[in-house]
Amino acid sequence: MAIKYGLRFNPDPKWNQQIFGNRYFLGIYEMCKNLAERFQGRDHVTLCEIGSYMGESTFIFAAQNIFNEIHCIEPFEGSEEFNALSNRTWDEVKREFWTNTRHWDHINLHQTYSYKMNEFFADKYFDVVYIDGDHEYDSVIQDLTLYMPKLNDGGVICGHDYSHAFPEVQRAIQDFFGKEPEMLYQDSSWMVNV
């Protein structure tokens, strides 16, 4: 039986040559430590995760006990390079999402695209928005534009794949904010304080 690699848990060494070993896990964990410190003492903290894929990052977010609500936006369709590399169908990816998130009842899955979901959330609804959807320049700009108004005062916008492997993500973030992110993590996650 062939090994089924994940993106954060047991990552395939062929997937991203810039990330080695458990750094893919540790980077998002470090970011969660920063978020926990930032929101310590708050009664209700909400997260929107754009692009949840197999739910591995969702698992990490939920396990930190920072968030009272987690909203995941994932269409489970379209082109995905990792599906071809790992020989997975979208049905298998969705089953893996439910396996990884089965322990928490405050995770809400919205099986659609982020640009179709933004109107369902009031402005200033989220404390944290994590962008890891489509990595094309226009899509990143669109997610930033649509979800910045959804951030609460003092909120944090962050995401994944700010690395040379994804130059369009880097360029979109730099163009949108006019600067590099304030925080960069070893898994290529990034954070900007709003």
Protein backbone atom coordinates (compact mmCIF):
# COMPACT_ATOMS: atom_id res chain seq x y z
CA MET A 1 0.00 0.00 0.00
CA ALA A 2 1.37 3.39 -1.00
CA ILE A 3 1.94 6.05 1.65
CA LYS A 4 -0.69 8.81 1.60
CA TYR A 5 1.18 11.96 2.48
CA GLY A 6 -0.45 15.07 3.87
CA LEU A 7 0.53 18.70 3.57
CA ARG A 8 1.28 19.35 7.23
CA PHE A 9 1.13 15.88 8.76
CA ASN A 10 3.78 13.60 7.21
CA PRO A 11 4.42 15.95 4.25
CA ASP A 12 5.55 14.47 0.96
CA PRO A 13 9.23 15.44 0.48
CA LYS A 14 8.53 16.03 -3.24
CA TRP A 15 5.81 18.60 -2.54
CA ASN A 16 7.76 21.61 -1.32
CA GLN A 17 11.54 21.34 -1.33
CA GLN A 18 11.86 24.51 0.79
CA ILE A 19 10.19 22.92 3.82
CA PHE A 20 11.85 20.03 5.62
CA GLY A 21 10.61 17.70 8.35
CA ASN A 22 8.19 19.05 10.92
CA ARG A 23 8.76 22.72 10.12
CA TYR A 24 5.52 22.64 8.15
CA PHE A 25 3.75 21.87 11.41
CA LEU A 26 5.82 24.09 13.70
CA GLY A 27 5.35 27.29 11.71
CA ILE A 28 1.58 27.36 12.07
CA TYR A 29 1.93 26.31 15.71
CA GLU A 30 4.20 29.32 16.34
CA MET A 31 1.63 31.56 14.67
CA CYS A 32 -1.09 30.11 16.91
CA LYS A 33 1.04 30.90 19.97
CA ASN A 34 1.18 34.54 18.82
CA LEU A 35 -2.59 34.57 18.23
CA ALA A 36 -3.27 33.04 21.66
CA GLU A 37 -1.21 35.75 23.34
CA ARG A 38 -2.91 38.46 21.32
CA PHE A 39 -6.46 37.33 22.12
CA GLN A 40 -5.86 36.14 25.68
CA GLY A 41 -8.77 37.06 27.93
CA ARG A 42 -11.23 37.59 25.06
CA ASP A 43 -14.61 35.92 25.52
CA HIS A 44 -15.29 35.07 21.89
CA VAL A 45 -12.70 34.74 19.11
CA THR A 46 -13.62 33.85 15.53
CA LEU A 47 -11.54 32.51 12.63
CA CYS A 48 -12.22 32.31 8.90
CA GLU A 49 -9.97 29.85 7.05
CA ILE A 50 -10.07 30.29 3.29
CA GLY A 51 -8.79 27.07 1.76
CA SER A 52 -8.95 24.26 4.31
CA TYR A 53 -8.16 21.34 1.98
CA MET A 54 -7.69 18.20 4.17
CA GLY A 55 -8.31 20.09 7.40
CA GLU A 56 -4.79 19.69 8.76
CA SER A 57 -4.36 23.39 9.51
CA THR A 58 -7.97 23.44 10.78
CA PHE A 59 -7.00 20.66 13.20
CA ILE A 60 -4.07 22.75 14.46
CA PHE A 61 -6.20 25.88 14.84
CA ALA A 62 -8.92 23.99 16.72
CA ALA A 63 -6.50 22.13 18.98
CA GLN A 64 -5.09 25.40 20.32
CA ASN A 65 -8.41 26.29 22.02
CA ILE A 66 -8.12 29.91 20.87
CA PHE A 67 -11.25 30.09 18.73
CA ASN A 68 -14.91 29.77 19.69
CA GLU A 69 -15.95 29.63 16.02
CA ILE A 70 -13.99 28.39 13.02
CA HIS A 71 -15.47 28.89 9.55
CA CYS A 72 -13.77 26.91 6.78
CA ILE A 73 -14.33 27.80 3.15
CA GLU A 74 -13.35 25.01 0.75
CA PRO A 75 -15.12 24.05 -2.51
CA PHE A 76 -13.51 20.59 -2.85
CA GLU A 77 -13.32 20.98 -6.61
CA GLY A 78 -11.13 22.50 -9.29
CA SER A 79 -7.46 22.16 -10.10
CA GLU A 80 -5.16 21.11 -7.24
CA GLU A 81 -1.57 20.09 -7.89
CA PHE A 82 -1.30 18.11 -4.65
CA ASN A 83 -4.26 15.91 -5.63
CA ALA A 84 -2.32 14.74 -8.68
CA LEU A 85 0.93 14.30 -6.74
CA SER A 86 -0.72 12.31 -3.95
CA ASN A 87 -3.15 10.45 -6.24
CA ARG A 88 -6.24 11.73 -4.36
CA THR A 89 -9.72 12.55 -5.51
CA TRP A 90 -11.69 15.48 -4.10
CA ASP A 91 -13.97 12.97 -2.32
CA GLU A 92 -10.92 11.54 -0.52
CA VAL A 93 -9.76 15.05 0.41
CA LYS A 94 -13.19 15.86 1.85
CA ARG A 95 -13.26 12.61 3.86
CA GLU A 96 -9.82 13.47 5.23
CA PHE A 97 -11.11 16.93 6.20
CA TRP A 98 -13.92 15.34 8.26
CA THR A 99 -11.48 12.87 9.83
CA ASN A 100 -9.11 15.65 10.86
CA THR A 101 -11.86 17.89 12.27
CA ARG A 102 -14.14 15.27 13.85
CA HIS A 103 -13.32 16.18 17.46
CA TRP A 104 -14.70 19.73 17.37
CA ASP A 105 -18.27 20.94 16.99
CA HIS A 106 -17.38 24.63 16.55
CA ILE A 107 -15.95 24.05 13.05
CA ASN A 108 -18.32 25.12 10.28
CA LEU A 109 -17.57 23.96 6.74
CA HIS A 110 -18.85 26.08 3.85
CA GLN A 111 -18.39 24.05 0.68
CA THR A 112 -18.10 26.90 -1.79
CA TYR A 113 -15.67 29.53 -3.04
CA SER A 114 -14.59 32.44 -0.85
CA TYR A 115 -15.95 35.03 -3.32
CA LYS A 116 -19.39 33.42 -3.02
CA MET A 117 -19.33 33.30 0.79
CA ASN A 118 -18.16 36.76 1.90
CA GLU A 119 -21.64 38.35 1.79
CA PHE A 120 -22.91 35.82 4.35
CA PHE A 121 -20.66 37.28 7.06
CA ALA A 122 -21.25 40.70 8.60
CA ASP A 123 -18.46 43.25 8.51
CA LYS A 124 -16.14 42.98 11.53
CA TYR A 125 -17.31 39.39 12.19
CA PHE A 126 -13.89 37.72 12.34
CA ASP A 127 -10.91 38.28 14.59
CA VAL A 128 -8.61 36.27 12.33
CA VAL A 129 -8.74 35.55 8.59
CA TYR A 130 -6.29 32.92 7.29
CA ILE A 131 -5.92 32.88 3.48
CA ASP A 132 -4.71 29.66 1.87
CA GLY A 133 -7.02 29.32 -1.13
CA ASP A 134 -6.14 29.86 -4.77
CA HIS A 135 -2.52 31.05 -5.02
CA GLU A 136 -2.90 33.12 -8.20
CA TYR A 137 -2.24 36.86 -7.83
CA ASP A 138 -5.78 37.99 -8.68
CA SER A 139 -7.35 35.43 -6.34
CA VAL A 140 -5.17 36.48 -3.39
CA ILE A 141 -5.98 40.16 -4.05
CA GLN A 142 -9.68 39.26 -4.28
CA ASP A 143 -9.62 37.40 -0.94
CA LEU A 144 -7.80 40.28 0.74
CA THR A 145 -10.24 42.81 -0.69
CA LEU A 146 -13.37 40.82 0.20
CA TYR A 147 -12.31 39.73 3.69
CA MET A 148 -10.50 42.78 5.09
CA PRO A 149 -13.89 44.41 5.89
CA LYS A 150 -14.86 41.19 7.70
CA LEU A 151 -12.09 41.73 10.26
CA ASN A 152 -12.95 43.05 13.69
CA ASP A 153 -11.07 46.07 15.03
CA GLY A 154 -7.68 44.84 16.15
CA GLY A 155 -8.02 41.76 13.98
CA VAL A 156 -5.31 39.83 12.21
CA ILE A 157 -5.11 38.82 8.58
CA CYS A 158 -2.73 36.02 7.80
CA GLY A 159 -2.23 33.15 5.45
CA HIS A 160 0.05 30.58 3.96
CA ASP A 161 2.65 30.18 1.21
CA TYR A 162 4.49 33.49 1.44
CA SER A 163 7.60 32.00 -0.16
CA HIS A 164 9.65 32.01 -3.34
CA ALA A 165 7.77 28.87 -4.37
CA PHE A 166 4.63 31.05 -4.66
CA PRO A 167 5.79 34.41 -6.08
CA GLU A 168 2.26 35.51 -6.95
CA VAL A 169 1.22 35.17 -3.29
CA GLN A 170 4.21 37.25 -2.22
CA ARG A 171 3.59 39.92 -4.85
CA ALA A 172 -0.14 40.14 -4.04
CA ILE A 173 0.49 40.62 -0.32
CA GLN A 174 3.22 43.20 -0.93
CA ASP A 175 1.08 45.10 -3.44
CA PHE A 176 -2.04 45.04 -1.24
CA PHE A 177 -0.34 46.17 1.98
CA GLY A 178 2.55 48.11 0.44
CA LYS A 179 5.00 46.14 2.57
CA GLU A 180 6.05 42.67 3.58
CA PRO A 181 4.10 40.93 6.36
CA GLU A 182 5.09 41.83 9.91
CA MET A 183 5.49 38.19 10.87
CA LEU A 184 6.80 35.31 8.77
CA TYR A 185 6.86 31.72 10.03
CA GLN A 186 8.94 28.70 9.07
CA ASP A 187 6.03 26.98 7.29
CA SER A 188 5.66 30.09 5.07
CA SER A 189 2.65 31.38 7.02
CA TRP A 190 2.47 35.15 7.32
CA MET A 191 0.65 37.70 9.48
CA VAL A 192 -0.35 41.35 9.18
CA ASN A 193 -1.93 43.25 12.07
CA VAL A 194 -4.92 45.35 11.04
